[in-house]
N, C-alpha and C. Protein backbone atom coordinates (compact mmCIF):
# COMPACT_ATOMS: atom_id res chain seq x y z
N UNK A 1 5.97 59.35 307.32
CA UNK A 1 6.45 60.23 308.37
C UNK A 1 5.37 61.30 308.63
N UNK A 2 5.02 61.47 309.87
CA UNK A 2 3.99 62.42 310.26
C UNK A 2 4.58 63.83 310.39
N UNK A 3 3.83 64.80 309.89
CA UNK A 3 4.29 66.19 309.92
C UNK A 3 4.12 66.80 311.30
N UNK A 4 2.98 66.57 311.93
CA UNK A 4 2.70 67.25 313.20
C UNK A 4 3.68 66.89 314.32
N UNK A 5 4.07 65.62 314.49
CA UNK A 5 5.07 65.35 315.54
C UNK A 5 6.41 66.03 315.28
N UNK A 6 6.78 66.14 314.01
CA UNK A 6 8.03 66.82 313.68
C UNK A 6 7.92 68.31 314.00
N UNK A 7 6.80 68.91 313.63
CA UNK A 7 6.59 70.33 313.93
C UNK A 7 6.55 70.56 315.45
N UNK A 8 5.92 69.64 316.17
CA UNK A 8 5.86 69.76 317.63
C UNK A 8 7.26 69.67 318.24
N UNK A 9 8.09 68.77 317.72
CA UNK A 9 9.45 68.66 318.26
C UNK A 9 10.24 69.93 317.96
N UNK A 10 9.97 70.55 316.81
CA UNK A 10 10.62 71.81 316.48
C UNK A 10 10.18 72.93 317.42
N UNK A 11 8.89 72.94 317.76
CA UNK A 11 8.40 73.93 318.74
C UNK A 11 9.06 73.72 320.09
N UNK A 12 9.17 72.46 320.52
CA UNK A 12 9.83 72.16 321.79
C UNK A 12 11.30 72.57 321.75
N UNK A 13 11.95 72.34 320.61
CA UNK A 13 13.36 72.72 320.47
C UNK A 13 13.51 74.24 320.57
N UNK A 14 12.62 74.97 319.92
CA UNK A 14 12.68 76.44 319.99
C UNK A 14 12.49 76.91 321.43
N UNK A 15 11.59 76.26 322.15
CA UNK A 15 11.38 76.63 323.56
C UNK A 15 12.63 76.35 324.39
N UNK A 16 13.29 75.23 324.13
CA UNK A 16 14.52 74.90 324.86
C UNK A 16 15.63 75.90 324.55
N UNK A 17 15.77 76.25 323.28
CA UNK A 17 16.78 77.25 322.89
C UNK A 17 16.50 78.56 323.59
N UNK A 18 15.25 78.97 323.62
CA UNK A 18 14.87 80.21 324.30
C UNK A 18 15.23 80.15 325.78
N UNK A 19 14.96 79.02 326.41
CA UNK A 19 15.27 78.87 327.83
C UNK A 19 16.78 78.93 328.09
N UNK A 20 17.57 78.28 327.23
CA UNK A 20 19.03 78.30 327.40
C UNK A 20 19.56 79.72 327.21
N UNK A 21 19.08 80.39 326.17
CA UNK A 21 19.54 81.77 325.91
C UNK A 21 19.13 82.70 327.06
N UNK A 22 17.90 82.56 327.55
CA UNK A 22 17.42 83.41 328.65
C UNK A 22 18.24 83.17 329.90
N UNK A 23 18.58 81.91 330.18
CA UNK A 23 19.41 81.59 331.35
C UNK A 23 20.78 82.25 331.22
N UNK A 24 21.35 82.20 330.03
CA UNK A 24 22.64 82.86 329.81
C UNK A 24 22.55 84.36 330.06
N UNK A 25 21.50 84.98 329.54
CA UNK A 25 21.35 86.44 329.69
C UNK A 25 21.17 86.81 331.16
N UNK A 26 20.32 86.07 331.86
CA UNK A 26 20.06 86.35 333.27
C UNK A 26 21.34 86.21 334.11
N UNK A 27 22.17 85.24 333.76
CA UNK A 27 23.37 84.97 334.56
C UNK A 27 24.63 85.61 334.00
N UNK A 28 24.49 86.51 333.04
CA UNK A 28 25.66 87.11 332.39
C UNK A 28 26.61 87.80 333.37
N UNK A 29 26.06 88.37 334.43
CA UNK A 29 26.91 89.08 335.40
C UNK A 29 27.20 88.25 336.65
N UNK A 30 26.78 87.01 336.65
CA UNK A 30 27.06 86.12 337.79
C UNK A 30 28.53 85.72 337.76
N UNK A 31 29.24 85.89 338.87
CA UNK A 31 30.66 85.51 338.89
C UNK A 31 30.85 84.04 338.53
N UNK A 32 31.85 83.77 337.71
CA UNK A 32 32.26 82.42 337.30
C UNK A 32 31.22 81.68 336.46
N UNK A 33 30.18 82.36 336.02
CA UNK A 33 29.19 81.70 335.16
C UNK A 33 29.76 81.60 333.75
N UNK A 34 29.62 80.43 333.15
CA UNK A 34 30.02 80.25 331.75
C UNK A 34 28.77 79.92 330.94
N UNK A 35 28.76 80.40 329.73
CA UNK A 35 27.59 80.27 328.87
C UNK A 35 27.33 78.82 328.45
N UNK A 36 26.06 78.55 328.22
CA UNK A 36 25.65 77.28 327.63
C UNK A 36 25.24 77.54 326.20
N UNK A 37 25.47 76.56 325.35
CA UNK A 37 25.10 76.67 323.95
C UNK A 37 24.07 75.59 323.64
N UNK A 38 22.95 75.94 323.02
CA UNK A 38 21.99 74.91 322.63
C UNK A 38 22.57 74.08 321.48
N UNK A 39 22.47 72.77 321.63
CA UNK A 39 22.99 71.85 320.61
C UNK A 39 21.83 71.00 320.11
N UNK A 40 21.65 71.01 318.79
CA UNK A 40 20.56 70.26 318.16
C UNK A 40 20.99 68.82 317.91
N UNK A 41 20.02 67.92 318.06
CA UNK A 41 20.26 66.51 317.81
C UNK A 41 19.05 65.95 317.06
N UNK A 42 19.29 65.34 315.90
CA UNK A 42 18.17 64.75 315.16
C UNK A 42 17.71 63.47 315.85
N UNK A 43 16.43 63.23 315.76
CA UNK A 43 15.84 62.06 316.39
C UNK A 43 15.49 61.02 315.33
N UNK A 44 15.50 59.78 315.71
CA UNK A 44 15.25 58.70 314.77
C UNK A 44 13.85 58.78 314.16
N UNK A 45 12.91 59.36 314.89
CA UNK A 45 11.53 59.48 314.40
C UNK A 45 11.33 60.67 313.48
N UNK A 46 12.40 61.39 313.18
CA UNK A 46 12.32 62.53 312.28
C UNK A 46 12.24 63.86 312.98
N UNK A 47 12.15 63.87 314.28
CA UNK A 47 12.09 65.12 315.03
C UNK A 47 13.47 65.64 315.38
N UNK A 48 13.47 66.62 316.24
CA UNK A 48 14.73 67.22 316.68
C UNK A 48 14.65 67.47 318.18
N UNK A 49 15.78 67.35 318.84
CA UNK A 49 15.87 67.64 320.27
C UNK A 49 17.02 68.62 320.48
N UNK A 50 16.98 69.32 321.59
CA UNK A 50 18.03 70.29 321.91
C UNK A 50 18.47 70.04 323.35
N UNK A 51 19.78 70.09 323.56
CA UNK A 51 20.30 70.03 324.92
C UNK A 51 21.32 71.16 325.08
N UNK A 52 21.56 71.54 326.32
CA UNK A 52 22.48 72.64 326.61
C UNK A 52 23.87 72.08 326.89
N UNK A 53 24.87 72.70 326.28
CA UNK A 53 26.25 72.29 326.50
C UNK A 53 27.05 73.49 326.98
N UNK A 54 27.76 73.33 328.07
CA UNK A 54 28.60 74.40 328.61
C UNK A 54 29.77 74.62 327.66
N UNK A 55 29.96 75.87 327.23
CA UNK A 55 31.05 76.17 326.30
C UNK A 55 32.28 76.73 327.01
N UNK A 56 32.18 76.93 328.32
CA UNK A 56 33.33 77.35 329.10
C UNK A 56 33.80 78.77 328.84
N UNK A 57 32.94 79.60 328.27
CA UNK A 57 33.29 80.99 327.98
C UNK A 57 32.25 81.92 328.58
N UNK A 58 32.61 83.18 328.78
CA UNK A 58 31.63 84.14 329.29
C UNK A 58 30.49 84.34 328.29
N UNK A 59 29.40 84.88 328.78
CA UNK A 59 28.23 85.13 327.94
C UNK A 59 28.51 86.28 326.99
N UNK A 60 28.17 86.08 325.72
CA UNK A 60 28.26 87.12 324.70
C UNK A 60 26.82 87.55 324.41
N UNK A 61 26.43 88.71 324.93
CA UNK A 61 25.04 89.14 324.80
C UNK A 61 24.59 89.31 323.35
N UNK A 62 25.49 89.70 322.48
CA UNK A 62 25.14 89.84 321.07
C UNK A 62 24.72 88.48 320.50
N UNK A 63 25.51 87.46 320.77
CA UNK A 63 25.19 86.12 320.29
C UNK A 63 23.90 85.59 320.91
N UNK A 64 23.65 85.95 322.15
CA UNK A 64 22.43 85.49 322.81
C UNK A 64 21.19 86.11 322.16
N UNK A 65 21.25 87.39 321.84
CA UNK A 65 20.11 88.04 321.18
C UNK A 65 19.89 87.46 319.79
N UNK A 66 20.98 87.22 319.06
CA UNK A 66 20.86 86.59 317.75
C UNK A 66 20.25 85.20 317.89
N UNK A 67 20.67 84.46 318.90
CA UNK A 67 20.11 83.13 319.15
C UNK A 67 18.63 83.17 319.48
N UNK A 68 18.21 84.18 320.23
CA UNK A 68 16.78 84.34 320.53
C UNK A 68 15.98 84.65 319.26
N UNK A 69 16.53 85.47 318.40
CA UNK A 69 15.86 85.79 317.13
C UNK A 69 15.75 84.53 316.27
N UNK A 70 16.78 83.74 316.25
CA UNK A 70 16.76 82.49 315.49
C UNK A 70 15.70 81.54 316.04
N UNK A 71 15.58 81.46 317.36
CA UNK A 71 14.55 80.61 317.98
C UNK A 71 13.16 81.11 317.63
N UNK A 72 12.98 82.43 317.58
CA UNK A 72 11.69 83.00 317.18
C UNK A 72 11.36 82.62 315.74
N UNK A 73 12.34 82.71 314.86
CA UNK A 73 12.13 82.32 313.46
C UNK A 73 11.78 80.83 313.35
N UNK A 74 12.45 80.01 314.13
CA UNK A 74 12.16 78.56 314.14
C UNK A 74 10.73 78.32 314.62
N UNK A 75 10.32 79.04 315.64
CA UNK A 75 8.97 78.90 316.17
C UNK A 75 7.95 79.29 315.10
N UNK A 76 8.17 80.41 314.43
CA UNK A 76 7.25 80.87 313.39
C UNK A 76 7.18 79.87 312.25
N UNK A 77 8.30 79.30 311.85
CA UNK A 77 8.31 78.31 310.78
C UNK A 77 7.55 77.06 311.19
N UNK A 78 7.68 76.65 312.42
CA UNK A 78 6.97 75.47 312.91
C UNK A 78 5.47 75.70 312.93
N UNK A 79 5.06 76.88 313.37
CA UNK A 79 3.64 77.23 313.38
C UNK A 79 3.10 77.26 311.95
N UNK A 80 3.87 77.80 311.02
CA UNK A 80 3.45 77.83 309.61
C UNK A 80 3.31 76.41 309.06
N UNK A 81 4.20 75.52 309.45
CA UNK A 81 4.11 74.12 309.03
C UNK A 81 2.84 73.47 309.55
N UNK A 82 2.51 73.73 310.79
CA UNK A 82 1.28 73.17 311.37
C UNK A 82 0.06 73.73 310.65
N UNK A 83 0.06 75.02 310.38
CA UNK A 83 -1.07 75.63 309.68
C UNK A 83 -1.21 75.06 308.27
N UNK A 84 -0.11 74.91 307.57
CA UNK A 84 -0.14 74.34 306.22
C UNK A 84 -0.65 72.91 306.24
N UNK A 85 -0.21 72.13 307.21
CA UNK A 85 -0.68 70.76 307.35
C UNK A 85 -2.18 70.72 307.59
N UNK A 86 -2.65 71.63 308.42
CA UNK A 86 -4.10 71.71 308.70
C UNK A 86 -4.87 72.10 307.44
N UNK A 87 -4.35 73.08 306.70
CA UNK A 87 -5.00 73.51 305.45
C UNK A 87 -5.06 72.36 304.44
N UNK A 88 -3.97 71.61 304.35
CA UNK A 88 -3.93 70.48 303.41
C UNK A 88 -4.93 69.40 303.81
N UNK A 89 -5.03 69.14 305.09
CA UNK A 89 -6.00 68.15 305.56
C UNK A 89 -7.41 68.57 305.25
N UNK A 90 -7.71 69.85 305.48
CA UNK A 90 -9.05 70.36 305.17
C UNK A 90 -9.36 70.25 303.68
N UNK A 91 -8.34 70.60 302.84
CA UNK A 91 -8.54 70.52 301.39
C UNK A 91 -8.76 69.08 300.95
N UNK A 92 -8.04 68.16 301.56
CA UNK A 92 -8.19 66.75 301.24
C UNK A 92 -9.58 66.26 301.61
N UNK A 93 -10.10 66.69 302.74
CA UNK A 93 -11.44 66.29 303.17
C UNK A 93 -12.50 66.88 302.25
N UNK A 94 -12.25 68.08 301.71
CA UNK A 94 -13.19 68.70 300.78
C UNK A 94 -13.26 67.93 299.45
N UNK A 95 -12.13 67.36 299.06
CA UNK A 95 -12.06 66.60 297.80
C UNK A 95 -12.80 65.27 297.94
N UNK A 96 -12.64 64.65 299.08
CA UNK A 96 -13.19 63.29 299.29
C UNK A 96 -14.69 63.26 299.37
């Protein structure tokens, strides 16, 4: 199983979560708008995907901000994984 494609899918998932949360925040005062919730789905190749699901409720700004913070943490973890993979590859090349 390759590390970089999994990390890339995690970065894409974080971007999708951010987009869903931002859309909810922007439309919080729009009449009849109901919030969408990002839903994670594991992929057969080991990655992850996210899709938006309408939850039929008004936007809760507190939950949206918490969701944005979670997406930021996911992004940082994915970047750290990519950096660690790069460091390991470099160390392996130094050994060989």
